[in-house]
Amino acid sequence: MVPSFGVIHDSGYVYKLNKELYILKQTPYAWFKKFSIVIFSLKFVYSSQNFALFVKYTDSGCIILSFYVDDMIITSNDINGISVLKI
């Protein structure tokens, strides 16, 4: 059985799986694209300074959602808005 990534040395054969590695490189982009569609449907907009920062203005305040690698930070002065976002 050949794993889906890496280079394998087995019985004098070498398998280089470029296609699988390319697909793995595209995964974060595809995930962020799908996440952005969902976040935009909740009326968030990109920050003009950083595309990993989303902002939503509500009657009660402002909700800020930020990404860094694999972390998400949500901050706001609208406690109900944060609760709705988490659901």
N, C-alpha and C. Protein backbone atom coordinates (compact mmCIF):
# COMPACT_ATOMS: atom_id res chain seq x y z
N MET A 1 0.84 -1.18 0.00
CA MET A 1 0.00 0.00 0.00
C MET A 1 0.89 1.24 0.00
N VAL A 2 0.57 2.20 -0.85
CA VAL A 2 1.35 3.42 -0.98
C VAL A 2 0.65 4.53 -0.20
N PRO A 3 1.34 5.18 0.76
CA PRO A 3 0.72 6.29 1.47
C PRO A 3 0.49 7.47 0.55
N SER A 4 -0.29 8.45 0.99
CA SER A 4 -0.69 9.55 0.11
C SER A 4 0.32 10.70 0.08
N PHE A 5 1.49 10.55 0.68
CA PHE A 5 2.46 11.63 0.64
C PHE A 5 3.86 11.07 0.81
N GLY A 6 4.85 11.88 0.46
CA GLY A 6 6.24 11.53 0.72
C GLY A 6 6.89 10.71 -0.37
N VAL A 7 8.10 10.26 -0.07
CA VAL A 7 8.89 9.43 -0.96
C VAL A 7 9.12 8.11 -0.24
N ILE A 8 8.89 6.99 -0.89
CA ILE A 8 9.00 5.67 -0.28
C ILE A 8 10.12 4.89 -0.93
N HIS A 9 10.94 4.25 -0.12
CA HIS A 9 11.98 3.36 -0.62
C HIS A 9 11.55 1.95 -0.26
N ASP A 10 11.31 1.12 -1.27
CA ASP A 10 10.83 -0.23 -0.99
C ASP A 10 11.36 -1.17 -2.07
N SER A 11 12.10 -2.15 -1.68
CA SER A 11 12.60 -3.19 -2.60
C SER A 11 13.32 -2.61 -3.81
N GLY A 12 14.09 -1.56 -3.61
CA GLY A 12 14.84 -0.99 -4.71
C GLY A 12 14.04 -0.02 -5.57
N TYR A 13 12.77 0.22 -5.25
CA TYR A 13 11.95 1.16 -6.01
C TYR A 13 11.78 2.45 -5.22
N VAL A 14 11.66 3.55 -5.93
CA VAL A 14 11.40 4.84 -5.31
C VAL A 14 10.14 5.41 -5.94
N TYR A 15 9.19 5.82 -5.10
CA TYR A 15 7.94 6.40 -5.58
C TYR A 15 7.91 7.87 -5.15
N LYS A 16 7.76 8.73 -6.11
CA LYS A 16 7.66 10.15 -5.80
C LYS A 16 6.24 10.60 -6.15
N LEU A 17 5.50 11.05 -5.15
CA LEU A 17 4.08 11.32 -5.32
C LEU A 17 3.82 12.82 -5.39
N ASN A 18 4.21 13.43 -6.48
CA ASN A 18 4.08 14.88 -6.64
C ASN A 18 2.62 15.34 -6.63
N LYS A 19 1.74 14.58 -7.26
CA LYS A 19 0.35 15.01 -7.36
C LYS A 19 -0.28 15.12 -5.97
N GLU A 20 -0.06 14.15 -5.12
CA GLU A 20 -0.63 14.19 -3.79
C GLU A 20 -0.08 15.36 -2.99
N LEU A 21 1.21 15.63 -3.11
CA LEU A 21 1.79 16.76 -2.40
C LEU A 21 1.21 18.07 -2.88
N TYR A 22 0.97 18.19 -4.18
CA TYR A 22 0.38 19.40 -4.73
C TYR A 22 -1.01 19.61 -4.15
N ILE A 23 -1.80 18.55 -4.07
CA ILE A 23 -3.15 18.64 -3.52
C ILE A 23 -3.10 19.09 -2.06
N LEU A 24 -2.16 18.56 -1.29
CA LEU A 24 -2.03 18.96 0.11
C LEU A 24 -1.68 20.44 0.23
N LYS A 25 -0.90 20.97 -0.70
CA LYS A 25 -0.56 22.39 -0.67
C LYS A 25 -1.78 23.27 -0.94
N GLN A 26 -2.75 22.76 -1.70
CA GLN A 26 -3.93 23.52 -2.05
C GLN A 26 -5.00 23.48 -0.95
N THR A 27 -4.90 22.58 0.00
CA THR A 27 -5.93 22.39 1.01
C THR A 27 -6.18 23.65 1.84
N PRO A 28 -5.16 24.32 2.38
CA PRO A 28 -5.45 25.53 3.17
C PRO A 28 -6.18 26.61 2.36
N TYR A 29 -5.82 26.77 1.10
CA TYR A 29 -6.48 27.75 0.26
C TYR A 29 -7.96 27.40 0.08
N ALA A 30 -8.24 26.13 -0.20
CA ALA A 30 -9.62 25.69 -0.41
C ALA A 30 -10.44 25.87 0.87
N TRP A 31 -9.83 25.55 2.02
CA TRP A 31 -10.53 25.70 3.29
C TRP A 31 -10.84 27.17 3.56
N PHE A 32 -9.88 28.06 3.36
CA PHE A 32 -10.08 29.48 3.61
C PHE A 32 -11.12 30.06 2.67
N LYS A 33 -11.12 29.59 1.43
CA LYS A 33 -12.10 30.08 0.45
C LYS A 33 -13.51 29.70 0.89
N LYS A 34 -13.69 28.46 1.32
CA LYS A 34 -15.01 28.00 1.77
C LYS A 34 -15.43 28.75 3.05
N PHE A 35 -14.49 28.92 3.98
CA PHE A 35 -14.78 29.66 5.20
C PHE A 35 -15.18 31.10 4.89
N SER A 36 -14.50 31.73 3.96
CA SER A 36 -14.81 33.11 3.59
C SER A 36 -16.23 33.23 3.06
N ILE A 37 -16.67 32.28 2.28
CA ILE A 37 -18.04 32.30 1.74
C ILE A 37 -19.05 32.27 2.88
N VAL A 38 -18.80 31.41 3.86
CA VAL A 38 -19.71 31.32 5.01
C VAL A 38 -19.69 32.61 5.81
N ILE A 39 -18.51 33.13 6.08
CA ILE A 39 -18.37 34.35 6.87
C ILE A 39 -19.03 35.54 6.17
N PHE A 40 -18.90 35.62 4.84
CA PHE A 40 -19.54 36.71 4.09
C PHE A 40 -21.06 36.59 4.14
N SER A 41 -21.57 35.35 4.17
CA SER A 41 -23.03 35.17 4.27
C SER A 41 -23.56 35.66 5.61
N LEU A 42 -22.68 35.77 6.62
CA LEU A 42 -23.06 36.30 7.93
C LEU A 42 -22.84 37.81 8.01
N LYS A 43 -22.63 38.45 6.86
CA LYS A 43 -22.47 39.91 6.73
C LYS A 43 -21.15 40.46 7.27
N PHE A 44 -20.11 39.63 7.30
CA PHE A 44 -18.78 40.13 7.64
C PHE A 44 -18.13 40.67 6.38
N VAL A 45 -17.18 41.57 6.54
CA VAL A 45 -16.41 42.10 5.42
C VAL A 45 -14.92 41.99 5.75
N TYR A 46 -14.09 41.97 4.70
CA TYR A 46 -12.65 41.99 4.90
C TYR A 46 -12.23 43.32 5.52
N SER A 47 -11.20 43.27 6.31
CA SER A 47 -10.55 44.51 6.74
C SER A 47 -9.78 45.06 5.55
N SER A 48 -9.70 46.36 5.46
CA SER A 48 -8.94 46.95 4.35
C SER A 48 -7.43 46.77 4.55
N GLN A 49 -7.00 46.43 5.75
CA GLN A 49 -5.58 46.27 6.05
C GLN A 49 -5.08 44.83 5.97
N ASN A 50 -5.98 43.85 6.20
CA ASN A 50 -5.54 42.46 6.31
C ASN A 50 -6.67 41.53 5.87
N PHE A 51 -6.41 40.65 4.91
CA PHE A 51 -7.46 39.77 4.40
C PHE A 51 -7.76 38.60 5.34
N ALA A 52 -7.01 38.43 6.41
CA ALA A 52 -7.31 37.41 7.41
C ALA A 52 -8.06 38.01 8.59
N LEU A 53 -8.53 39.24 8.44
CA LEU A 53 -9.27 39.94 9.48
C LEU A 53 -10.65 40.29 8.93
N PHE A 54 -11.70 39.81 9.61
CA PHE A 54 -13.07 40.06 9.19
C PHE A 54 -13.75 40.93 10.23
N VAL A 55 -14.60 41.85 9.78
CA VAL A 55 -15.27 42.79 10.67
C VAL A 55 -16.76 42.80 10.34
N LYS A 56 -17.57 42.87 11.40
CA LYS A 56 -19.02 43.02 11.23
C LYS A 56 -19.50 44.07 12.23
N TYR A 57 -20.20 45.06 11.70
CA TYR A 57 -20.78 46.10 12.55
C TYR A 57 -22.23 45.77 12.82
N THR A 58 -22.63 45.79 14.09
CA THR A 58 -24.00 45.53 14.50
C THR A 58 -24.53 46.75 15.23
N ASP A 59 -25.82 46.71 15.59
CA ASP A 59 -26.42 47.79 16.37
C ASP A 59 -25.78 47.89 17.75
N SER A 60 -25.32 46.75 18.28
CA SER A 60 -24.73 46.71 19.63
C SER A 60 -23.24 46.97 19.64
N GLY A 61 -22.58 46.93 18.50
CA GLY A 61 -21.14 47.15 18.48
C GLY A 61 -20.48 46.60 17.24
N CYS A 62 -19.29 46.07 17.43
CA CYS A 62 -18.46 45.59 16.33
C CYS A 62 -17.90 44.22 16.71
N ILE A 63 -17.95 43.28 15.77
CA ILE A 63 -17.37 41.94 15.98
C ILE A 63 -16.16 41.84 15.07
N ILE A 64 -15.03 41.44 15.63
CA ILE A 64 -13.79 41.28 14.87
C ILE A 64 -13.35 39.83 14.96
N LEU A 65 -13.11 39.22 13.81
CA LEU A 65 -12.67 37.84 13.73
C LEU A 65 -11.33 37.83 12.99
N SER A 66 -10.33 37.26 13.62
CA SER A 66 -8.98 37.27 13.04
C SER A 66 -8.42 35.86 12.96
N PHE A 67 -7.65 35.58 11.91
CA PHE A 67 -6.98 34.29 11.73
C PHE A 67 -5.48 34.47 11.76
N TYR A 68 -4.82 33.49 12.34
CA TYR A 68 -3.37 33.41 12.23
C TYR A 68 -3.00 31.93 12.23
N VAL A 69 -2.54 31.43 11.12
CA VAL A 69 -2.17 30.03 10.88
C VAL A 69 -3.35 29.13 11.22
N ASP A 70 -3.40 28.55 12.41
CA ASP A 70 -4.50 27.66 12.75
C ASP A 70 -5.28 28.15 13.97
N ASP A 71 -5.17 29.44 14.28
CA ASP A 71 -5.88 30.03 15.41
C ASP A 71 -6.91 31.04 14.93
N MET A 72 -8.03 31.11 15.65
CA MET A 72 -9.07 32.08 15.35
C MET A 72 -9.32 32.89 16.62
N ILE A 73 -9.32 34.19 16.49
CA ILE A 73 -9.59 35.08 17.62
C ILE A 73 -10.86 35.86 17.31
N ILE A 74 -11.82 35.80 18.23
CA ILE A 74 -13.06 36.55 18.09
C ILE A 74 -13.14 37.52 19.25
N THR A 75 -13.33 38.79 18.94
CA THR A 75 -13.47 39.79 19.98
C THR A 75 -14.58 40.76 19.60
N SER A 76 -15.25 41.29 20.62
CA SER A 76 -16.36 42.19 20.34
C SER A 76 -16.83 42.85 21.63
N ASN A 77 -17.57 43.94 21.47
CA ASN A 77 -18.29 44.51 22.58
C ASN A 77 -19.77 44.12 22.50
N ASP A 78 -20.10 43.23 21.56
CA ASP A 78 -21.45 42.69 21.38
C ASP A 78 -21.45 41.21 21.79
N ILE A 79 -21.78 40.95 23.05
CA ILE A 79 -21.74 39.58 23.59
C ILE A 79 -22.73 38.67 22.85
N ASN A 80 -23.91 39.16 22.53
CA ASN A 80 -24.90 38.35 21.80
C ASN A 80 -24.40 38.02 20.40
N GLY A 81 -23.72 38.96 19.77
CA GLY A 81 -23.18 38.73 18.43
C GLY A 81 -22.14 37.61 18.43
N ILE A 82 -21.30 37.55 19.46
CA ILE A 82 -20.32 36.47 19.57
C ILE A 82 -21.02 35.14 19.75
N SER A 83 -22.06 35.09 20.59
CA SER A 83 -22.81 33.85 20.82
C SER A 83 -23.45 33.35 19.53
N VAL A 84 -24.02 34.24 18.74
CA VAL A 84 -24.63 33.86 17.47
C VAL A 84 -23.57 33.35 16.50
N LEU A 85 -22.43 34.00 16.47
CA LEU A 85 -21.33 33.59 15.57
C LEU A 85 -20.82 32.19 15.91
N LYS A 86 -20.73 31.87 17.18
CA LYS A 86 -20.22 30.56 17.61
C LYS A 86 -21.15 29.43 17.22
N ILE A 87 -22.43 29.70 17.08
CA ILE A 87 -23.38 28.65 16.71
C ILE A 87 -23.22 28.39 15.27
